[in-house]
């Protein structure tokens, strides 16, 4: 189920808007992020399985304490399904380039691993 979440965030500069959009886009399940409103202080997030309270909490923690959820609503898909049912099925040609669709998936960030520095080496490289 796709949902549309609108969050009011204090974003006074362009740098804050970019940071808020990065935080929201790195959240699991987010499909799209946009900034709306007259003062550009509403962050609109659309996604599947997005936990709105966790997203708002991370925005409060990393950006400002003024982040608040304004609304969470279900996004209803357009009438594409009705149009597809009315259309008769055509023969699909696998060589037709118009029918190939590229799909990009969002993966969670890869954790960074660091090597441990040992100040006292177990061997002497000079001798």
Foldseek 3Di string as FASTA:
>chain_A
DKKKWKKFADDDDPVLVVVLLVLLVLFPFWDDWDFDDPNSRIIITIGPPGDVVVSQVVCCVPRHVPIDTDDMGHDDDDPPVVVVVVDDDDDDDPPDPVPDDDDDDDDHDDDDDDDDDDPDDPDDPPD
